[in-house]
Amino acid sequence: CETCSKEEAKYRCPRCMKYSCSLLCVKKHKLALSCNGVRDKTAFISVNEFTDLNLLSDYRFLEDVGRTADAAARHCIVHSPATKRLLYCLRNKARGCNIELKTLPVGFTKRRENSTTFNSMEKKFYWHLKLVFPHCHAEYTLKGVPDDKTLADILKPYIDPVESDPVVCQRLKIYTASPQSDIRILMKIENRSRNSVRYNELDASRSLLDNLKGKVIIEYPTLFVVLKTLKTDMVVLGQDGSEPAENSDSESSSLSSVEEGEIRDSS
């Protein structure tokens, strides 16, 4: 058992492939790794390991995608004038702030989750925001984040050793124990090919709005908080020696790759 290291393992998690000996250890490993125990249908499998069962699984997955897309197209909200006006307003206000906001069809996970609003009286966005801490396998969702709040203030309840919640602090102790100068905030550059994923580094001292200007946002921003001292496979544009940073806003490709990932996620 990879949780208690005492008993002989009886179960293997379909998601992360960890071995467990009992229901208690299964629950502990799910809590520690934020694992939902559901097999990842889109996980990479090499050609040498690909079997007839994998082919059948992919075929059934595509059938599920087709059913989900068909159900979304028939959804009454898709044809609601109020919904269309709201989305048009959000995209228009974002365009006025030099942000290209793209929305997905009903049925997509990010479309369902998104709670971003624009306050006309304050002339301010209140963003739905996702924070990802890859070194701890942790994710947090924030709602109603004002666009004039700095990224440093947004992260304080999570990585500040004094102001953060004790439970969160314990889970993210690798971040809270590190100096602030080691913290990097990255955001994925959208509309790139799937084999050329790149990230922009954001400025923690500036507001959320200032950091989003000139960027493409699919529904809502997702920020990745990483440490400089720990190696990651995230390539920051302009720092990989092959592409200059100023090309980040001009790089574009079709939205199909993003939509494909979202359809898989919604399935």
Protein backbone atom coordinates (compact mmCIF):
# COMPACT_ATOMS: atom_id res chain seq x y z
CA CYS A 1 0.00 0.00 0.00
CA GLU A 2 1.44 3.35 -1.08
CA THR A 3 -0.55 5.22 1.58
CA CYS A 4 0.18 3.39 4.84
CA SER A 5 3.11 1.22 3.68
CA LYS A 6 1.98 -1.49 6.08
CA GLU A 7 -0.55 -3.80 4.43
CA GLU A 8 -0.57 -5.67 1.15
CA ALA A 9 -2.24 -3.65 -1.60
CA LYS A 10 -5.61 -4.85 -2.86
CA TYR A 11 -6.77 -1.94 -5.02
CA ARG A 12 -5.29 0.28 -7.71
CA CYS A 13 -6.67 3.74 -8.43
CA PRO A 14 -7.85 4.03 -12.07
CA ARG A 15 -6.86 7.70 -12.10
CA CYS A 16 -3.36 7.94 -10.60
CA MET A 17 -2.51 4.21 -10.47
CA LYS A 18 -1.65 4.34 -6.74
CA TYR A 19 -1.95 1.09 -4.79
CA SER A 20 -4.12 0.96 -1.64
CA CYS A 21 -5.01 -1.72 0.88
CA SER A 22 -8.37 -0.53 2.22
CA LEU A 23 -11.21 1.95 1.82
CA LEU A 24 -9.61 4.19 4.45
CA CYS A 25 -6.34 4.38 2.52
CA VAL A 26 -8.24 4.99 -0.71
CA LYS A 27 -9.96 7.99 0.88
CA LYS A 28 -6.67 9.26 2.30
CA HIS A 29 -4.89 9.11 -1.04
CA LYS A 30 -7.77 10.90 -2.77
CA LEU A 31 -7.64 13.67 -0.18
CA ALA A 32 -3.85 14.01 -0.26
CA LEU A 33 -3.55 14.07 -4.06
CA SER A 34 -6.91 15.71 -4.88
CA CYS A 35 -7.66 12.59 -6.91
CA ASN A 36 -11.24 11.84 -7.96
CA GLY A 37 -10.55 8.17 -8.70
CA VAL A 38 -12.06 8.40 -12.19
CA ARG A 39 -10.02 7.00 -15.05
CA ASP A 40 -8.61 9.66 -17.38
CA LYS A 41 -10.07 8.78 -20.76
CA THR A 42 -7.75 11.23 -22.52
CA ALA A 43 -4.48 10.04 -20.93
CA PHE A 44 -1.63 9.51 -23.38
CA ILE A 45 -0.92 5.91 -24.37
CA SER A 46 2.08 5.04 -26.54
CA VAL A 47 1.59 3.06 -29.74
CA ASN A 48 3.47 0.10 -28.26
CA GLU A 49 1.00 -0.12 -25.36
CA PHE A 50 -2.14 0.56 -27.41
CA THR A 51 -4.54 -2.41 -27.37
CA ASP A 52 -8.00 -3.28 -28.70
CA LEU A 53 -9.45 -2.27 -25.33
CA ASN A 54 -7.94 1.20 -25.70
CA LEU A 55 -9.41 1.46 -29.20
CA LEU A 56 -12.83 0.47 -27.89
CA SER A 57 -12.52 2.98 -25.06
CA ASP A 58 -11.69 5.76 -27.53
CA TYR A 59 -14.63 4.77 -29.73
CA ARG A 60 -17.03 4.94 -26.79
CA PHE A 61 -15.49 8.24 -25.70
CA LEU A 62 -16.19 9.76 -29.14
CA GLU A 63 -19.76 8.49 -28.96
CA ASP A 64 -20.15 10.21 -25.58
CA VAL A 65 -18.73 13.42 -27.06
CA GLY A 66 -21.27 13.26 -29.89
CA ARG A 67 -24.16 12.81 -27.46
CA THR A 68 -22.95 15.67 -25.27
CA ALA A 69 -22.56 18.02 -28.24
CA ASP A 70 -26.01 17.10 -29.54
CA ALA A 71 -27.61 17.67 -26.12
CA ALA A 72 -25.86 21.04 -25.80
CA ALA A 73 -27.08 22.13 -29.24
CA ARG A 74 -30.66 21.30 -28.24
CA HIS A 75 -30.45 23.13 -24.90
CA CYS A 76 -33.01 25.92 -24.64
CA ILE A 77 -30.51 28.35 -23.08
CA VAL A 78 -28.47 28.29 -26.29
CA HIS A 79 -31.27 30.10 -28.11
CA SER A 80 -32.14 32.47 -25.24
CA PRO A 81 -31.84 36.15 -26.34
CA ALA A 82 -30.98 37.19 -22.76
CA THR A 83 -28.06 34.78 -22.64
CA LYS A 84 -26.75 35.97 -25.99
CA ARG A 85 -27.02 39.62 -24.91
CA LEU A 86 -25.14 38.91 -21.67
CA LEU A 87 -22.31 37.12 -23.43
CA TYR A 88 -22.10 39.84 -26.09
CA CYS A 89 -21.90 42.47 -23.35
CA LEU A 90 -19.10 40.63 -21.54
CA ARG A 91 -17.08 40.16 -24.71
CA ASN A 92 -17.64 43.80 -25.72
CA LYS A 93 -16.58 45.18 -22.33
CA ALA A 94 -13.51 42.93 -22.35
CA ARG A 95 -12.60 44.14 -25.83
CA GLY A 96 -12.76 47.70 -24.49
CA CYS A 97 -10.12 46.69 -21.93
CA ASN A 98 -7.91 45.15 -24.66
CA ILE A 99 -8.84 41.61 -23.60
CA GLU A 100 -10.02 39.06 -26.15
CA LEU A 101 -12.64 37.08 -24.22
CA LYS A 102 -13.90 33.94 -25.93
CA THR A 103 -16.96 32.02 -24.73
CA LEU A 104 -17.76 28.36 -25.36
CA PRO A 105 -21.11 26.74 -26.23
CA VAL A 106 -23.48 25.53 -23.55
CA GLY A 107 -22.49 22.07 -22.33
CA PHE A 108 -18.79 22.85 -21.99
CA THR A 109 -17.41 22.60 -18.48
CA LYS A 110 -15.84 26.07 -18.43
CA ARG A 111 -19.04 27.66 -19.79
CA ARG A 112 -21.02 25.97 -17.02
CA GLU A 113 -18.56 27.02 -14.30
CA ASN A 114 -17.96 30.61 -15.38
CA SER A 115 -19.42 33.20 -13.00
CA THR A 116 -17.65 36.28 -14.41
CA THR A 117 -19.75 39.47 -14.35
CA PHE A 118 -19.30 43.13 -15.29
CA ASN A 119 -20.60 45.85 -12.97
CA SER A 120 -21.77 48.74 -15.16
CA MET A 121 -22.00 51.15 -12.22
CA GLU A 122 -18.42 50.53 -11.09
CA LYS A 123 -17.19 49.82 -14.65
CA LYS A 124 -15.35 46.84 -13.25
CA PHE A 125 -15.05 43.13 -13.99
CA TYR A 126 -15.59 40.60 -11.23
CA TRP A 127 -13.76 37.55 -12.53
CA HIS A 128 -14.21 33.86 -12.04
CA LEU A 129 -10.63 32.76 -11.39
CA LYS A 130 -8.88 29.42 -10.99
CA LEU A 131 -5.58 29.08 -9.13
CA VAL A 132 -3.45 25.99 -9.79
CA PHE A 133 -0.52 25.01 -7.55
CA PRO A 134 1.11 22.20 -9.56
CA HIS A 135 3.84 21.39 -7.02
CA CYS A 136 1.14 20.43 -4.48
CA HIS A 137 -1.44 19.10 -6.96
CA ALA A 138 -3.92 21.66 -5.63
CA GLU A 139 -6.55 23.82 -7.33
CA TYR A 140 -8.76 26.57 -5.93
CA THR A 141 -11.65 28.41 -7.57
CA LEU A 142 -12.36 32.03 -6.73
CA LYS A 143 -15.54 33.90 -7.63
CA GLY A 144 -16.15 37.63 -7.86
CA VAL A 145 -12.48 38.70 -7.94
CA PRO A 146 -12.37 42.47 -8.73
CA ASP A 147 -10.16 43.34 -11.67
CA ASP A 148 -8.32 46.09 -9.74
CA LYS A 149 -6.97 43.65 -7.14
CA THR A 150 -3.27 42.84 -7.44
CA LEU A 151 -2.15 39.26 -7.97
CA ALA A 152 -0.09 39.46 -4.78
CA ASP A 153 -3.24 40.27 -2.77
CA ILE A 154 -5.17 37.48 -4.52
CA LEU A 155 -2.51 34.95 -3.52
CA LYS A 156 -2.10 36.12 0.09
CA PRO A 157 -4.83 33.85 1.55
CA TYR A 158 -3.03 30.88 0.00
CA ILE A 159 0.74 31.33 0.21
CA ASP A 160 1.28 34.04 2.81
CA PRO A 161 2.73 32.33 5.94
CA VAL A 162 0.84 34.75 8.23
CA GLU A 163 -2.43 35.58 6.49
CA SER A 164 -3.21 32.24 4.83
CA ASP A 165 -5.75 29.79 6.23
CA PRO A 166 -4.02 27.15 8.44
CA VAL A 167 -5.48 24.23 6.47
CA VAL A 168 -4.52 25.77 3.12
CA CYS A 169 -1.12 26.76 4.51
CA GLN A 170 -0.43 23.17 5.51
CA ARG A 171 -1.41 21.84 2.11
CA LEU A 172 0.67 24.48 0.29
CA LYS A 173 3.58 24.45 2.75
CA ILE A 174 6.14 24.14 -0.04
CA TYR A 175 4.93 27.57 -1.24
CA THR A 176 4.53 29.22 2.16
CA ALA A 177 8.03 28.10 3.16
CA SER A 178 9.57 29.63 0.03
CA PRO A 179 10.56 33.32 -0.26
CA GLN A 180 8.23 35.52 -2.25
CA SER A 181 10.97 36.13 -4.81
CA ASP A 182 10.72 32.45 -5.84
CA ILE A 183 7.01 32.69 -6.71
CA ARG A 184 6.15 32.82 -10.41
CA ILE A 185 2.64 33.30 -11.77
CA LEU A 186 2.06 31.88 -15.24
CA MET A 187 -0.92 31.88 -17.59
CA LYS A 188 -1.29 29.61 -20.58
CA ILE A 189 -1.27 31.29 -23.98
CA GLU A 190 -4.44 30.27 -25.79
CA ASN A 191 -4.90 29.55 -29.50
CA ARG A 192 -1.66 27.65 -29.92
CA SER A 193 -1.23 24.15 -31.31
CA ARG A 194 -1.43 21.36 -28.72
CA ASN A 195 2.22 20.39 -29.24
CA SER A 196 3.42 23.97 -28.69
CA VAL A 197 2.07 24.97 -25.27
CA ARG A 198 3.58 28.19 -23.92
CA TYR A 199 2.96 30.42 -20.90
CA ASN A 200 3.16 34.13 -20.13
CA GLU A 201 4.68 35.21 -16.82
CA LEU A 202 2.50 37.73 -14.97
CA ASP A 203 3.51 40.56 -12.64
CA ALA A 204 2.32 39.95 -9.07
CA SER A 205 2.59 43.64 -8.18
CA ARG A 206 0.13 44.70 -10.90
CA SER A 207 -3.65 44.36 -10.95
CA LEU A 208 -5.48 41.43 -12.48
CA LEU A 209 -6.81 43.70 -15.23
CA ASP A 210 -3.36 45.00 -16.16
CA ASN A 211 -2.04 41.43 -16.39
CA LEU A 212 -4.93 40.31 -18.61
CA LYS A 213 -4.60 43.15 -21.11
CA GLY A 214 -3.48 41.96 -24.52
CA LYS A 215 -4.29 38.34 -23.66
CA VAL A 216 -6.79 35.81 -25.02
CA ILE A 217 -9.06 34.39 -22.30
CA ILE A 218 -11.20 31.28 -22.81
CA GLU A 219 -14.18 31.90 -20.45
CA TYR A 220 -12.05 32.80 -17.39
CA PRO A 221 -8.37 33.09 -16.39
CA THR A 222 -6.46 30.13 -14.97
CA LEU A 223 -3.26 31.08 -13.13
CA PHE A 224 -0.46 28.59 -12.45
CA VAL A 225 1.64 29.36 -9.37
CA VAL A 226 5.09 27.76 -9.60
CA LEU A 227 8.45 28.08 -7.87
CA LYS A 228 11.59 29.13 -9.69
CA THR A 229 13.71 26.69 -7.70
CA LEU A 230 11.64 23.67 -8.78
CA LYS A 231 11.79 22.37 -12.34
CA THR A 232 8.56 22.29 -14.34
CA ASP A 233 7.73 21.43 -17.95
CA MET A 234 6.06 24.82 -18.45
CA VAL A 235 7.85 26.82 -21.15
CA VAL A 236 7.59 30.58 -20.62
CA LEU A 237 7.44 32.43 -23.93
CA GLY A 238 10.58 34.45 -24.56
CA GLN A 239 12.64 32.38 -22.10
CA ASP A 240 13.03 29.15 -24.08
CA GLY A 241 15.54 30.60 -26.51
CA SER A 242 13.40 30.00 -29.57
CA GLU A 243 10.57 32.54 -29.54
CA PRO A 244 10.62 36.23 -28.55
CA ALA A 245 8.18 37.38 -25.87
CA GLU A 246 6.65 40.08 -28.08
CA ASN A 247 5.15 37.39 -30.33
CA SER A 248 2.89 36.13 -27.55
CA ASP A 249 -0.12 38.19 -28.63
CA SER A 250 0.29 37.55 -32.34
CA GLU A 251 0.57 33.79 -32.07
CA SER A 252 -2.77 32.26 -33.01
CA SER A 253 -4.33 29.19 -34.45
CA SER A 254 -7.86 27.86 -34.67
CA LEU A 255 -9.97 27.48 -31.53
CA SER A 256 -10.58 23.85 -32.38
CA SER A 257 -7.77 22.54 -30.17
CA VAL A 258 -9.15 24.40 -27.15
CA GLU A 259 -12.69 23.28 -27.90
CA GLU A 260 -11.51 19.67 -28.28
CA GLY A 261 -9.98 19.73 -24.82
CA GLU A 262 -13.11 21.29 -23.34
CA ILE A 263 -15.39 18.72 -24.96
CA ARG A 264 -13.26 15.95 -23.45
CA ASP A 265 -13.40 17.70 -20.08
CA SER A 266 -17.19 18.13 -20.23
CA SER A 267 -17.62 14.46 -21.06
